Protein backbone atom coordinates (compact mmCIF):
# COMPACT_ATOMS: atom_id res chain seq x y z
CA MET A 1 -6.91 -21.95 69.75
CA ILE A 2 -10.02 -22.23 67.48
CA ARG A 3 -8.17 -21.58 64.21
CA ASN A 4 -6.90 -25.06 63.75
CA LEU A 5 -8.85 -27.61 61.75
CA PRO A 6 -9.25 -30.23 64.50
CA ASN A 7 -10.89 -27.63 66.82
CA ILE A 8 -13.07 -26.41 63.97
CA LEU A 9 -14.24 -30.00 63.35
CA THR A 10 -14.99 -30.48 67.07
CA LEU A 11 -17.09 -27.25 67.03
CA ALA A 12 -18.91 -28.49 63.82
CA ARG A 13 -19.80 -31.63 65.71
CA ILE A 14 -21.26 -29.57 68.58
CA LEU A 15 -23.16 -27.42 66.06
CA LEU A 16 -24.67 -30.67 64.45
CA LEU A 17 -26.15 -31.67 67.78
CA PRO A 18 -29.41 -29.54 67.58
CA PHE A 19 -30.04 -30.87 63.97
CA PHE A 20 -29.52 -34.47 65.28
CA ALA A 21 -31.88 -33.85 68.18
CA VAL A 22 -34.56 -32.50 65.93
CA THR A 23 -34.32 -35.47 63.56
CA LEU A 24 -34.77 -37.80 66.55
CA ILE A 25 -37.66 -35.87 67.91
CA TYR A 26 -39.51 -35.93 64.61
CA ARG A 27 -38.44 -39.54 63.99
CA GLU A 28 -36.61 -38.71 60.79
CA PHE A 29 -34.25 -41.62 61.26
CA LYS A 30 -32.66 -41.58 57.82
CA ILE A 31 -31.50 -38.01 58.39
CA ALA A 32 -30.60 -38.71 61.97
CA LEU A 33 -28.33 -41.57 60.75
CA LEU A 34 -26.71 -39.25 58.22
CA VAL A 35 -26.08 -36.52 60.83
CA PHE A 36 -24.78 -39.11 63.20
CA ILE A 37 -22.36 -40.47 60.58
CA LEU A 38 -21.22 -36.96 59.75
CA ALA A 39 -20.61 -36.26 63.38
CA SER A 40 -18.72 -39.52 63.76
CA VAL A 41 -16.58 -38.69 60.84
CA THR A 42 -15.72 -35.21 62.27
CA ASP A 43 -14.90 -37.04 65.58
CA LEU A 44 -12.49 -39.39 63.87
CA LEU A 45 -10.95 -36.68 61.69
CA ASP A 46 -10.37 -34.10 64.47
CA GLY A 47 -8.27 -36.57 66.48
CA LEU A 48 -6.44 -37.92 63.50
CA ILE A 49 -5.57 -34.51 62.01
CA ALA A 50 -4.57 -33.13 65.52
CA ARG A 51 -2.04 -35.96 66.03
CA VAL A 52 -0.71 -36.19 62.46
CA LYS A 53 -0.36 -32.40 61.97
CA LYS A 54 0.71 -31.87 65.55
CA GLN A 55 -2.24 -29.48 66.26
CA VAL A 56 -3.23 -30.91 69.63
CA THR A 57 -4.27 -27.95 71.76
CA TYR A 58 -5.42 -27.61 75.42
CA PHE A 59 -8.70 -26.27 74.15
CA GLY A 60 -9.16 -29.30 71.91
CA ARG A 61 -8.32 -31.77 74.63
CA ILE A 62 -11.16 -30.26 76.71
CA LEU A 63 -13.65 -29.53 73.94
CA ASP A 64 -13.52 -33.02 72.28
CA PRO A 65 -14.72 -35.05 75.21
CA ILE A 66 -17.34 -32.37 75.90
CA ALA A 67 -18.71 -32.71 72.32
CA ASP A 68 -18.78 -36.47 72.74
CA LYS A 69 -20.65 -36.22 76.02
CA PHE A 70 -23.15 -33.73 74.52
CA PHE A 71 -23.86 -36.16 71.73
CA LEU A 72 -24.10 -39.25 73.94
CA VAL A 73 -26.33 -37.63 76.60
CA THR A 74 -28.67 -36.13 73.97
CA SER A 75 -28.86 -39.43 72.15
CA PHE A 76 -29.48 -41.49 75.20
CA VAL A 77 -32.16 -39.12 76.69
CA LEU A 78 -34.05 -38.71 73.40
CA MET A 79 -33.80 -42.40 72.49
CA SER A 80 -35.02 -43.49 75.89
CA ALA A 81 -37.79 -40.94 75.82
CA TYR A 82 -38.94 -42.36 72.48
CA GLY A 83 -38.66 -46.02 73.65
CA LEU A 84 -35.59 -46.79 71.46
CA MET A 85 -33.28 -47.18 74.47
CA PRO A 86 -33.93 -48.56 77.91
CA LYS A 87 -34.37 -45.84 80.45
CA TRP A 88 -32.26 -47.77 83.03
CA LEU A 89 -29.24 -47.74 80.67
CA THR A 90 -29.74 -43.94 80.18
CA ILE A 91 -29.65 -43.51 83.87
CA ILE A 92 -26.37 -45.55 84.14
CA VAL A 93 -24.68 -43.61 81.35
CA ILE A 94 -25.67 -40.21 82.69
CA SER A 95 -24.94 -41.14 86.26
CA LYS A 96 -21.42 -42.29 85.34
CA ASP A 97 -20.82 -38.91 83.60
CA VAL A 98 -22.23 -36.86 86.50
CA ILE A 99 -20.04 -38.81 88.99
CA VAL A 100 -16.85 -38.34 86.77
CA LEU A 101 -17.69 -34.61 86.27
CA THR A 102 -18.31 -34.12 89.96
CA GLY A 103 -15.06 -35.86 90.79
CA CYS A 104 -13.14 -33.60 88.33
CA VAL A 105 -14.69 -30.46 89.95
CA ILE A 106 -13.71 -31.73 93.42
CA LEU A 107 -10.19 -32.60 92.31
CA TYR A 108 -9.85 -29.20 90.74
CA LEU A 109 -11.04 -27.46 93.86
CA ALA A 110 -8.74 -29.52 96.02
CA THR A 111 -5.65 -29.44 93.81
CA HIS A 112 -6.16 -26.35 91.62
CA ASN A 113 -5.16 -28.47 88.71
CA LEU A 114 -7.43 -29.66 85.87
CA ARG A 115 -6.21 -32.81 84.11
CA VAL A 116 -8.51 -34.03 81.39
CA GLU A 117 -7.18 -37.49 80.59
CA PRO A 118 -9.60 -40.05 79.19
CA SER A 119 -8.73 -43.58 80.24
CA PHE A 120 -8.70 -46.61 77.98
CA MET A 121 -11.82 -47.97 79.65
CA GLY A 122 -13.54 -44.56 79.28
CA LYS A 123 -12.73 -44.67 75.52
CA VAL A 124 -14.07 -48.25 75.31
CA ALA A 125 -17.23 -47.29 77.11
CA SER A 126 -17.75 -44.22 74.81
CA ALA A 127 -17.12 -46.40 71.70
CA CYS A 128 -19.67 -48.95 72.93
CA GLN A 129 -22.22 -46.21 73.49
CA PHE A 130 -21.63 -44.68 70.16
CA ILE A 131 -21.83 -48.11 68.40
CA LEU A 132 -25.09 -48.73 70.27
CA ILE A 133 -26.61 -45.46 69.06
CA GLY A 134 -25.52 -46.04 65.53
CA SER A 135 -26.96 -49.59 65.69
CA ILE A 136 -30.25 -48.38 66.96
CA LEU A 137 -30.45 -45.73 64.19
CA LEU A 138 -29.53 -48.46 61.57
CA MET A 139 -32.23 -50.75 62.90
CA CYS A 140 -34.72 -47.84 62.73
CA ASN A 141 -33.85 -47.37 59.11
CA ILE A 142 -34.06 -51.02 58.26
CA ASP A 143 -37.16 -51.95 60.17
CA GLU A 144 -38.56 -50.15 63.19
CA MET A 145 -39.75 -53.46 64.58
CA LEU A 146 -36.16 -54.76 64.84
CA ARG A 147 -34.74 -54.49 68.30
CA ILE A 148 -31.27 -54.68 69.83
CA PRO A 149 -31.00 -57.65 72.05
CA LEU A 150 -31.12 -57.01 75.84
CA SER A 151 -27.68 -58.59 76.24
CA VAL A 152 -26.19 -55.77 74.16
CA PHE A 153 -27.74 -53.12 76.38
CA ILE A 154 -26.44 -55.08 79.46
CA LEU A 155 -22.95 -55.21 77.96
CA VAL A 156 -22.85 -51.45 77.41
CA ALA A 157 -24.11 -50.91 81.00
CA ILE A 158 -21.34 -53.17 82.36
CA VAL A 159 -18.59 -51.52 80.23
CA THR A 160 -19.89 -48.10 81.25
CA THR A 161 -19.95 -49.05 85.00
CA ILE A 162 -16.46 -50.48 84.80
CA ALA A 163 -15.18 -47.22 83.18
CA GLY A 164 -16.99 -45.14 85.90
CA LEU A 165 -15.41 -47.13 88.62
CA HIS A 166 -12.07 -46.84 87.00
CA TYR A 167 -12.37 -43.15 86.87
CA VAL A 168 -13.29 -43.05 90.57
CA TYR A 169 -10.26 -45.16 91.27
CA LYS A 170 -7.98 -42.81 89.34
CA GLY A 171 -9.49 -39.78 91.04
CA LEU A 172 -8.94 -41.22 94.51
CA LYS A 173 -5.40 -42.12 93.56
CA ILE A 174 -4.77 -38.50 92.42
CA ALA A 175 -6.39 -37.13 95.56
CA ASN A 176 -4.29 -39.39 97.82
CA VAL A 177 -1.06 -38.36 96.05
CA GLU A 178 -1.97 -34.65 96.36
CA ASN A 179 -2.70 -35.01 100.09
CA ASN A 180 0.74 -36.66 100.84
């Protein structure tokens, strides 16, 4: 389960999280950007290696999105606390994740089956969120006075909302099939 390289890379990404959080808290944006890039590389590699080497595991399919959510939530909370990210966007991102997680728990309790299947829109939303975080870190390293345009934050909010609504739709569809 943990002995394969993709799962080790995913666990490494989770272990990088406290270091990333500390660099944000102390406004060490150069180091934060490096840790962020390292975490992003492990994220890309774990999926690639798992598919190419046929090392996809149930554990990895669950742990990988959890590692992503840990990184995203930590980034959004800290960046909004320090004025780098709009608080309203952080609320949208976290609300979507809480709604999706709650839906998963309800479906599991109702069906006794846990299916962790990210949707295309969910992947697009996560990619947009990660790109936004990376862009903010890059801006902080170039010039702290540079700001991301409001339209970019709005776009990420819209994509995140659409992904959340899509997950709700998928969950209701599964619940309806299970009840028939």
